[in-house]
């Protein structure tokens, strides 16, 4: 379908609309690129990983027991070593 313009003003108006639509599209692409960059940033990936791990531990008694026992063993060994050096 061909558009017929009656004046140069109509052409200029249409060109201005197209220019603005193009600028909006370019900004949307830029915003999407920033969002993707933020999504895959190391800090965000670490946070998502820790959140996922935390949910797994929270929902699993076996994993929870394993993690807690490992942490307690580590802390107990640190405490024992610290007290041996003081004697």
PDB file of N, CA and C in Angstrom:
ATOM      1  N   UNK A   1       0.836  -1.173   0.000  1.00  0.00           N
ATOM      2  CA  UNK A   1       0.000   0.000   0.000  1.00  0.00           C
ATOM      3  C   UNK A   1       0.883   1.240   0.000  1.00  0.00           C
ATOM      4  N   UNK A   2       0.728   2.047  -1.007  1.00  0.00           N
ATOM      5  CA  UNK A   2       1.517   3.274  -1.118  1.00  0.00           C
ATOM      6  C   UNK A   2       0.834   4.401  -0.371  1.00  0.00           C
ATOM      7  N   UNK A   3       1.665   5.168   0.323  1.00  0.00           N
ATOM      8  CA  UNK A   3       1.140   6.340   1.021  1.00  0.00           C
ATOM      9  C   UNK A   3       1.364   7.540   0.118  1.00  0.00           C
ATOM     10  N   UNK A   4       0.349   8.315  -0.042  1.00  0.00           N
ATOM     11  CA  UNK A   4       0.459   9.519  -0.855  1.00  0.00           C
ATOM     12  C   UNK A   4       0.413  10.722   0.070  1.00  0.00           C
ATOM     13  N   UNK A   5       1.442  11.495  -0.035  1.00  0.00           N
ATOM     14  CA  UNK A   5       1.525  12.701   0.785  1.00  0.00           C
ATOM     15  C   UNK A   5       1.074  13.894  -0.042  1.00  0.00           C
ATOM     16  N   UNK A   6       0.423  14.834   0.628  1.00  0.00           N
ATOM     17  CA  UNK A   6      -0.101  15.998  -0.075  1.00  0.00           C
ATOM     18  C   UNK A   6       0.826  17.197   0.051  1.00  0.00           C
ATOM     19  N   UNK A   7       1.749  17.102   1.026  1.00  0.00           N
ATOM     20  CA  UNK A   7       2.664  18.237   1.202  1.00  0.00           C
ATOM     21  C   UNK A   7       3.972  17.735   1.817  1.00  0.00           C
ATOM     22  N   UNK A   8       4.972  18.614   1.754  1.00  0.00           N
ATOM     23  CA  UNK A   8       6.258  18.292   2.372  1.00  0.00           C
ATOM     24  C   UNK A   8       6.140  18.241   3.895  1.00  0.00           C
ATOM     25  N   UNK A   9       5.205  18.979   4.438  1.00  0.00           N
ATOM     26  CA  UNK A   9       4.991  18.959   5.888  1.00  0.00           C
ATOM     27  C   UNK A   9       4.564  17.568   6.355  1.00  0.00           C
ATOM     28  N   UNK A  10       3.696  16.915   5.570  1.00  0.00           N
ATOM     29  CA  UNK A  10       3.275  15.553   5.912  1.00  0.00           C
ATOM     30  C   UNK A  10       4.466  14.589   5.856  1.00  0.00           C
ATOM     31  N   UNK A  11       5.305  14.765   4.856  1.00  0.00           N
ATOM     32  CA  UNK A  11       6.494  13.919   4.720  1.00  0.00           C
ATOM     33  C   UNK A  11       7.424  14.153   5.907  1.00  0.00           C
ATOM     34  N   UNK A  12       7.660  15.417   6.249  1.00  0.00           N
ATOM     35  CA  UNK A  12       8.528  15.746   7.378  1.00  0.00           C
ATOM     36  C   UNK A  12       7.970  15.179   8.684  1.00  0.00           C
ATOM     37  N   UNK A  13       6.661  15.266   8.860  1.00  0.00           N
ATOM     38  CA  UNK A  13       6.025  14.745  10.071  1.00  0.00           C
ATOM     39  C   UNK A  13       6.216  13.224  10.150  1.00  0.00           C
ATOM     40  N   UNK A  14       5.991  12.548   9.042  1.00  0.00           N
ATOM     41  CA  UNK A  14       6.164  11.090   9.000  1.00  0.00           C
ATOM     42  C   UNK A  14       7.622  10.708   9.266  1.00  0.00           C
ATOM     43  N   UNK A  15       8.569  11.448   8.697  1.00  0.00           N
ATOM     44  CA  UNK A  15       9.987  11.179   8.939  1.00  0.00           C
ATOM     45  C   UNK A  15      10.363  11.390  10.407  1.00  0.00           C
ATOM     46  N   UNK A  16       9.790  12.411  11.025  1.00  0.00           N
ATOM     47  CA  UNK A  16      10.050  12.675  12.445  1.00  0.00           C
ATOM     48  C   UNK A  16       9.505  11.532  13.304  1.00  0.00           C
ATOM     49  N   UNK A  17       8.319  11.044  12.975  1.00  0.00           N
ATOM     50  CA  UNK A  17       7.735   9.921  13.710  1.00  0.00           C
ATOM     51  C   UNK A  17       8.618   8.683  13.568  1.00  0.00           C
ATOM     52  N   UNK A  18       9.066   8.405  12.367  1.00  0.00           N
ATOM     53  CA  UNK A  18       9.932   7.251  12.136  1.00  0.00           C
ATOM     54  C   UNK A  18      11.269   7.390  12.872  1.00  0.00           C
ATOM     55  N   UNK A  19      11.814   8.605  12.903  1.00  0.00           N
ATOM     56  CA  UNK A  19      13.073   8.849  13.613  1.00  0.00           C
ATOM     57  C   UNK A  19      12.900   8.589  15.108  1.00  0.00           C
ATOM     58  N   UNK A  20      11.795   9.074  15.674  1.00  0.00           N
ATOM     59  CA  UNK A  20      11.532   8.863  17.096  1.00  0.00           C
ATOM     60  C   UNK A  20      11.303   7.382  17.418  1.00  0.00           C
ATOM     61  N   UNK A  21      10.582   6.680  16.563  1.00  0.00           N
ATOM     62  CA  UNK A  21      10.367   5.248  16.761  1.00  0.00           C
ATOM     63  C   UNK A  21      11.686   4.487  16.712  1.00  0.00           C
ATOM     64  N   UNK A  22      12.560   4.892  15.803  1.00  0.00           N
ATOM     65  CA  UNK A  22      13.883   4.266  15.699  1.00  0.00           C
ATOM     66  C   UNK A  22      14.693   4.526  16.963  1.00  0.00           C
ATOM     67  N   UNK A  23      14.670   5.738  17.458  1.00  0.00           N
ATOM     68  CA  UNK A  23      15.411   6.091  18.679  1.00  0.00           C
ATOM     69  C   UNK A  23      14.884   5.285  19.883  1.00  0.00           C
ATOM     70  N   UNK A  24      13.573   5.148  19.980  1.00  0.00           N
ATOM     71  CA  UNK A  24      12.976   4.362  21.059  1.00  0.00           C
ATOM     72  C   UNK A  24      13.434   2.906  20.969  1.00  0.00           C
ATOM     73  N   UNK A  25      13.435   2.356  19.780  1.00  0.00           N
ATOM     74  CA  UNK A  25      13.864   0.970  19.585  1.00  0.00           C
ATOM     75  C   UNK A  25      15.322   0.781  19.974  1.00  0.00           C
ATOM     76  N   UNK A  26      16.164   1.724  19.607  1.00  0.00           N
ATOM     77  CA  UNK A  26      17.589   1.648  19.945  1.00  0.00           C
ATOM     78  C   UNK A  26      17.773   1.709  21.460  1.00  0.00           C
ATOM     79  N   UNK A  27      17.038   2.567  22.128  1.00  0.00           N
ATOM     80  CA  UNK A  27      17.133   2.658  23.593  1.00  0.00           C
ATOM     81  C   UNK A  27      16.652   1.373  24.260  1.00  0.00           C
ATOM     82  N   UNK A  28      15.589   0.773  23.718  1.00  0.00           N
ATOM     83  CA  UNK A  28      15.106  -0.495  24.273  1.00  0.00           C
ATOM     84  C   UNK A  28      16.172  -1.576  24.145  1.00  0.00           C
ATOM     85  N   UNK A  29      16.840  -1.614  23.005  1.00  0.00           N
ATOM     86  CA  UNK A  29      17.909  -2.594  22.801  1.00  0.00           C
ATOM     87  C   UNK A  29      19.026  -2.348  23.810  1.00  0.00           C
ATOM     88  N   UNK A  30      19.380  -1.079  24.019  1.00  0.00           N
ATOM     89  CA  UNK A  30      20.412  -0.749  25.001  1.00  0.00           C
ATOM     90  C   UNK A  30      20.018  -1.163  26.401  1.00  0.00           C
ATOM     91  N   UNK A  31      18.777  -0.911  26.761  1.00  0.00           N
ATOM     92  CA  UNK A  31      18.293  -1.310  28.090  1.00  0.00           C
ATOM     93  C   UNK A  31      18.301  -2.828  28.246  1.00  0.00           C
ATOM     94  N   UNK A  32      17.890  -3.539  27.203  1.00  0.00           N
ATOM     95  CA  UNK A  32      17.893  -5.000  27.257  1.00  0.00           C
ATOM     96  C   UNK A  32      19.318  -5.532  27.404  1.00  0.00           C
ATOM     97  N   UNK A  33      20.271  -4.920  26.705  1.00  0.00           N
ATOM     98  CA  UNK A  33      21.664  -5.340  26.813  1.00  0.00           C
ATOM     99  C   UNK A  33      22.178  -5.112  28.232  1.00  0.00           C
ATOM    100  N   UNK A  34      21.818  -3.984  28.844  1.00  0.00           N
ATOM    101  CA  UNK A  34      22.226  -3.713  30.232  1.00  0.00           C
ATOM    102  C   UNK A  34      21.610  -4.725  31.181  1.00  0.00           C
ATOM    103  N   UNK A  35      20.340  -5.056  30.951  1.00  0.00           N
ATOM    104  CA  UNK A  35      19.663  -6.040  31.807  1.00  0.00           C
ATOM    105  C   UNK A  35      20.346  -7.405  31.715  1.00  0.00           C
ATOM    106  N   UNK A  36      20.696  -7.801  30.505  1.00  0.00           N
ATOM    107  CA  UNK A  36      21.361  -9.090  30.299  1.00  0.00           C
ATOM    108  C   UNK A  36      22.743  -9.077  30.949  1.00  0.00           C
ATOM    109  N   UNK A  37      23.466  -7.985  30.791  1.00  0.00           N
ATOM    110  CA  UNK A  37      24.789  -7.864  31.410  1.00  0.00           C
ATOM    111  C   UNK A  37      24.674  -7.975  32.920  1.00  0.00           C
ATOM    112  N   UNK A  38      23.691  -7.294  33.501  1.00  0.00           N
ATOM    113  CA  UNK A  38      23.482  -7.350  34.955  1.00  0.00           C
ATOM    114  C   UNK A  38      23.083  -8.754  35.386  1.00  0.00           C
ATOM    115  N   UNK A  39      22.249  -9.413  34.597  1.00  0.00           N
ATOM    116  CA  UNK A  39      21.778 -10.755  34.929  1.00  0.00           C
ATOM    117  C   UNK A  39      22.930 -11.748  35.027  1.00  0.00           C
ATOM    118  N   UNK A  40      23.920 -11.601  34.141  1.00  0.00           N
ATOM    119  CA  UNK A  40      25.044 -12.524  34.110  1.00  0.00           C
ATOM    120  C   UNK A  40      26.302 -11.974  34.770  1.00  0.00           C
ATOM    121  N   UNK A  41      26.148 -10.942  35.595  1.00  0.00           N
ATOM    122  CA  UNK A  41      27.303 -10.404  36.312  1.00  0.00           C
ATOM    123  C   UNK A  41      27.734 -11.417  37.379  1.00  0.00           C
ATOM    124  N   UNK A  42      29.029 -11.455  37.694  1.00  0.00           N
ATOM    125  CA  UNK A  42      29.512 -12.419  38.689  1.00  0.00           C
ATOM    126  C   UNK A  42      28.785 -12.301  40.031  1.00  0.00           C
ATOM    127  N   UNK A  43      28.526 -11.090  40.483  1.00  0.00           N
ATOM    128  CA  UNK A  43      27.869 -10.935  41.783  1.00  0.00           C
ATOM    129  C   UNK A  43      26.444 -11.491  41.748  1.00  0.00           C
ATOM    130  N   UNK A  44      25.728 -11.267  40.662  1.00  0.00           N
ATOM    131  CA  UNK A  44      24.361 -11.771  40.550  1.00  0.00           C
ATOM    132  C   UNK A  44      24.353 -13.299  40.433  1.00  0.00           C
ATOM    133  N   UNK A  45      25.291 -13.856  39.665  1.00  0.00           N
ATOM    134  CA  UNK A  45      25.363 -15.308  39.542  1.00  0.00           C
ATOM    135  C   UNK A  45      25.687 -15.949  40.891  1.00  0.00           C
ATOM    136  N   UNK A  46      26.605 -15.330  41.642  1.00  0.00           N
ATOM    137  CA  UNK A  46      26.942 -15.841  42.967  1.00  0.00           C
ATOM    138  C   UNK A  46      25.734 -15.780  43.894  1.00  0.00           C
ATOM    139  N   UNK A  47      25.032 -14.657  43.860  1.00  0.00           N
ATOM    140  CA  UNK A  47      23.851 -14.507  44.704  1.00  0.00           C
ATOM    141  C   UNK A  47      22.790 -15.548  44.355  1.00  0.00           C
ATOM    142  N   UNK A  48      22.556 -15.755  43.066  1.00  0.00           N
ATOM    143  CA  UNK A  48      21.563 -16.746  42.647  1.00  0.00           C
ATOM    144  C   UNK A  48      21.987 -18.154  43.061  1.00  0.00           C
ATOM    145  N   UNK A  49      23.291 -18.439  42.937  1.00  0.00           N
ATOM    146  CA  UNK A  49      23.798 -19.749  43.333  1.00  0.00           C
ATOM    147  C   UNK A  49      23.634 -19.993  44.822  1.00  0.00           C
ATOM    148  N   UNK A  50      23.980 -18.982  45.620  1.00  0.00           N
ATOM    149  CA  UNK A  50      23.839 -19.129  47.067  1.00  0.00           C
ATOM    150  C   UNK A  50      22.374 -19.257  47.480  1.00  0.00           C
ATOM    151  N   UNK A  51      21.516 -18.506  46.823  1.00  0.00           N
ATOM    152  CA  UNK A  51      20.088 -18.605  47.110  1.00  0.00           C
ATOM    153  C   UNK A  51      19.572 -19.999  46.787  1.00  0.00           C
ATOM    154  N   UNK A  52      19.973 -20.521  45.650  1.00  0.00           N
ATOM    155  CA  UNK A  52      19.555 -21.861  45.248  1.00  0.00           C
ATOM    156  C   UNK A  52      20.094 -22.902  46.221  1.00  0.00           C
ATOM    157  N   UNK A  53      21.357 -22.770  46.601  1.00  0.00           N
ATOM    158  CA  UNK A  53      21.952 -23.703  47.553  1.00  0.00           C
ATOM    159  C   UNK A  53      21.241 -23.622  48.896  1.00  0.00           C
ATOM    160  N   UNK A  54      20.949 -22.398  49.328  1.00  0.00           N
ATOM    161  CA  UNK A  54      20.237 -22.212  50.591  1.00  0.00           C
ATOM    162  C   UNK A  54      18.870 -22.865  50.570  1.00  0.00           C
ATOM    163  N   UNK A  55      18.163 -22.741  49.465  1.00  0.00           N
ATOM    164  CA  UNK A  55      16.846 -23.378  49.338  1.00  0.00           C
ATOM    165  C   UNK A  55      16.975 -24.899  49.374  1.00  0.00           C
ATOM    166  N   UNK A  56      18.008 -25.419  48.731  1.00  0.00           N
ATOM    167  CA  UNK A  56      18.220 -26.871  48.732  1.00  0.00           C
ATOM    168  C   UNK A  56      18.492 -27.368  50.137  1.00  0.00           C
ATOM    169  N   UNK A  57      19.344 -26.644  50.862  1.00  0.00           N
ATOM    170  CA  UNK A  57      19.675 -27.042  52.230  1.00  0.00           C
ATOM    171  C   UNK A  57      18.438 -26.947  53.115  1.00  0.00           C
ATOM    172  N   UNK A  58      17.674 -25.890  52.939  1.00  0.00           N
ATOM    173  CA  UNK A  58      16.478 -25.680  53.762  1.00  0.00           C
ATOM    174  C   UNK A  58      15.466 -26.800  53.566  1.00  0.00           C
ATOM    175  N   UNK A  59      15.354 -27.285  52.337  1.00  0.00           N
ATOM    176  CA  UNK A  59      14.337 -28.289  52.015  1.00  0.00           C
ATOM    177  C   UNK A  59      14.823 -29.725  52.141  1.00  0.00           C
ATOM    178  N   UNK A  60      16.086 -29.931  52.482  1.00  0.00           N
ATOM    179  CA  UNK A  60      16.617 -31.284  52.558  1.00  0.00           C
ATOM    180  C   UNK A  60      17.269 -31.519  53.908  1.00  0.00           C
ATOM    181  N   UNK A  61      16.735 -32.467  54.650  1.00  0.00           N
ATOM    182  CA  UNK A  61      17.288 -32.773  55.967  1.00  0.00           C
ATOM    183  C   UNK A  61      18.679 -33.375  55.851  1.00  0.00           C
ATOM    184  N   UNK A  62      18.903 -34.218  54.858  1.00  0.00           N
ATOM    185  CA  UNK A  62      20.208 -34.863  54.685  1.00  0.00           C
ATOM    186  C   UNK A  62      21.298 -33.854  54.398  1.00  0.00           C
ATOM    187  N   UNK A  63      21.045 -32.945  53.490  1.00  0.00           N
ATOM    188  CA  UNK A  63      22.039 -31.924  53.152  1.00  0.00           C
ATOM    189  C   UNK A  63      22.237 -30.991  54.333  1.00  0.00           C
ATOM    190  N   UNK A  64      21.153 -30.642  54.996  1.00  0.00           N
ATOM    191  CA  UNK A  64      21.241 -29.746  56.152  1.00  0.00           C
ATOM    192  C   UNK A  64      22.130 -30.370  57.232  1.00  0.00           C
ATOM    193  N   UNK A  65      21.919 -31.628  57.494  1.00  0.00           N
ATOM    194  CA  UNK A  65      22.717 -32.328  58.501  1.00  0.00           C
ATOM    195  C   UNK A  65      24.186 -32.375  58.092  1.00  0.00           C
ATOM    196  N   UNK A  66      24.440 -32.677  56.832  1.00  0.00           N
ATOM    197  CA  UNK A  66      25.812 -32.740  56.331  1.00  0.00           C
ATOM    198  C   UNK A  66      26.508 -31.392  56.466  1.00  0.00           C
ATOM    199  N   UNK A  67      25.842 -30.326  56.026  1.00  0.00           N
ATOM    200  CA  UNK A  67      26.440 -28.991  56.095  1.00  0.00           C
ATOM    201  C   UNK A  67      26.684 -28.578  57.536  1.00  0.00           C
ATOM    202  N   UNK A  68      25.704 -28.767  58.393  1.00  0.00           N
ATOM    203  CA  UNK A  68      25.859 -28.373  59.791  1.00  0.00           C
ATOM    204  C   UNK A  68      26.949 -29.172  60.486  1.00  0.00           C
ATOM    205  N   UNK A  69      27.008 -30.461  60.223  1.00  0.00           N
ATOM    206  CA  UNK A  69      28.052 -31.259  60.870  1.00  0.00           C
ATOM    207  C   UNK A  69      29.429 -30.852  60.380  1.00  0.00           C
ATOM    208  N   UNK A  70      29.562 -30.551  59.104  1.00  0.00           N
ATOM    209  CA  UNK A  70      30.845 -30.095  58.565  1.00  0.00           C
ATOM    210  C   UNK A  70      31.254 -28.768  59.186  1.00  0.00           C
ATOM    211  N   UNK A  71      30.327 -27.855  59.297  1.00  0.00           N
ATOM    212  CA  UNK A  71      30.624 -26.543  59.899  1.00  0.00           C
ATOM    213  C   UNK A  71      31.016 -26.717  61.364  1.00  0.00           C
ATOM    214  N   UNK A  72      30.286 -27.535  62.094  1.00  0.00           N
ATOM    215  CA  UNK A  72      30.612 -27.741  63.505  1.00  0.00           C
ATOM    216  C   UNK A  72      31.968 -28.414  63.678  1.00  0.00           C
ATOM    217  N   UNK A  73      32.286 -29.392  62.829  1.00  0.00           N
ATOM    218  CA  UNK A  73      33.606 -30.033  62.895  1.00  0.00           C
ATOM    219  C   UNK A  73      34.706 -29.013  62.644  1.00  0.00           C
ATOM    220  N   UNK A  74      34.507 -28.177  61.642  1.00  0.00           N
ATOM    221  CA  UNK A  74      35.501 -27.147  61.323  1.00  0.00           C
ATOM    222  C   UNK A  74      35.698 -26.211  62.502  1.00  0.00           C
ATOM    223  N   UNK A  75      34.607 -25.716  63.070  1.00  0.00           N
ATOM    224  CA  UNK A  75      34.703 -24.795  64.202  1.00  0.00           C
ATOM    225  C   UNK A  75      35.307 -25.485  65.426  1.00  0.00           C
ATOM    226  N   UNK A  76      34.935 -26.735  65.680  1.00  0.00           N
ATOM    227  CA  UNK A  76      35.472 -27.476  66.804  1.00  0.00           C
ATOM    228  C   UNK A  76      36.982 -27.658  66.664  1.00  0.00           C
ATOM    229  N   UNK A  77      37.437 -28.046  65.455  1.00  0.00           N
ATOM    230  CA  UNK A  77      38.871 -28.214  65.206  1.00  0.00           C
ATOM    231  C   UNK A  77      39.620 -26.900  65.378  1.00  0.00           C
ATOM    232  N   UNK A  78      39.058 -25.803  64.925  1.00  0.00           N
ATOM    233  CA  UNK A  78      39.685 -24.490  65.104  1.00  0.00           C
ATOM    234  C   UNK A  78      39.811 -24.165  66.586  1.00  0.00           C
ATOM    235  N   UNK A  79      38.751 -24.435  67.336  1.00  0.00           N
ATOM    236  CA  UNK A  79      38.734 -24.142  68.768  1.00  0.00           C
ATOM    237  C   UNK A  79      39.780 -24.996  69.492  1.00  0.00           C
ATOM    238  N   UNK A  80      39.874 -26.278  69.144  1.00  0.00           N
ATOM    239  CA  UNK A  80      40.841 -27.191  69.762  1.00  0.00           C
ATOM    240  C   UNK A  80      42.265 -26.725  69.453  1.00  0.00           C
ATOM    241  N   UNK A  81      42.540 -26.396  68.202  1.00  0.00           N
ATOM    242  CA  UNK A  81      43.884 -25.947  67.823  1.00  0.00           C
ATOM    243  C   UNK A  81      44.248 -24.660  68.537  1.00  0.00           C
ATOM    244  N   UNK A  82      43.301 -23.760  68.676  1.00  0.00           N
ATOM    245  CA  UNK A  82      43.552 -22.486  69.350  1.00  0.00           C
ATOM    246  C   UNK A  82      43.887 -22.727  70.823  1.00  0.00           C
ATOM    247  N   UNK A  83      43.166 -23.616  71.457  1.00  0.00           N
ATOM    248  CA  UNK A  83      43.396 -23.910  72.883  1.00  0.00           C
ATOM    249  C   UNK A  83      44.711 -24.667  73.084  1.00  0.00           C
ATOM    250  N   UNK A  84      45.120 -25.515  72.130  1.00  0.00           N
ATOM    251  CA  UNK A  84      46.396 -26.230  72.252  1.00  0.00           C
ATOM    252  C   UNK A  84      47.561 -25.254  72.207  1.00  0.00           C
ATOM    253  N   UNK A  85      47.474 -24.213  71.383  1.00  0.00           N
ATOM    254  CA  UNK A  85      48.555 -23.231  71.270  1.00  0.00           C
ATOM    255  C   UNK A  85      48.672 -22.391  72.530  1.00  0.00           C
ATOM    256  N   UNK A  86      47.590 -22.215  73.235  1.00  0.00           N
ATOM    257  CA  UNK A  86      47.604 -21.401  74.452  1.00  0.00           C
ATOM    258  C   UNK A  86      48.206 -22.170  75.620  1.00  0.00           C
ATOM    259  N   UNK A  87      48.178 -23.501  75.580  1.00  0.00           N
ATOM    260  CA  UNK A  87      48.720 -24.327  76.680  1.00  0.00           C
ATOM    261  C   UNK A  87      50.163 -24.372  76.560  1.00  0.00           C
TER     262      UNK A  87
END
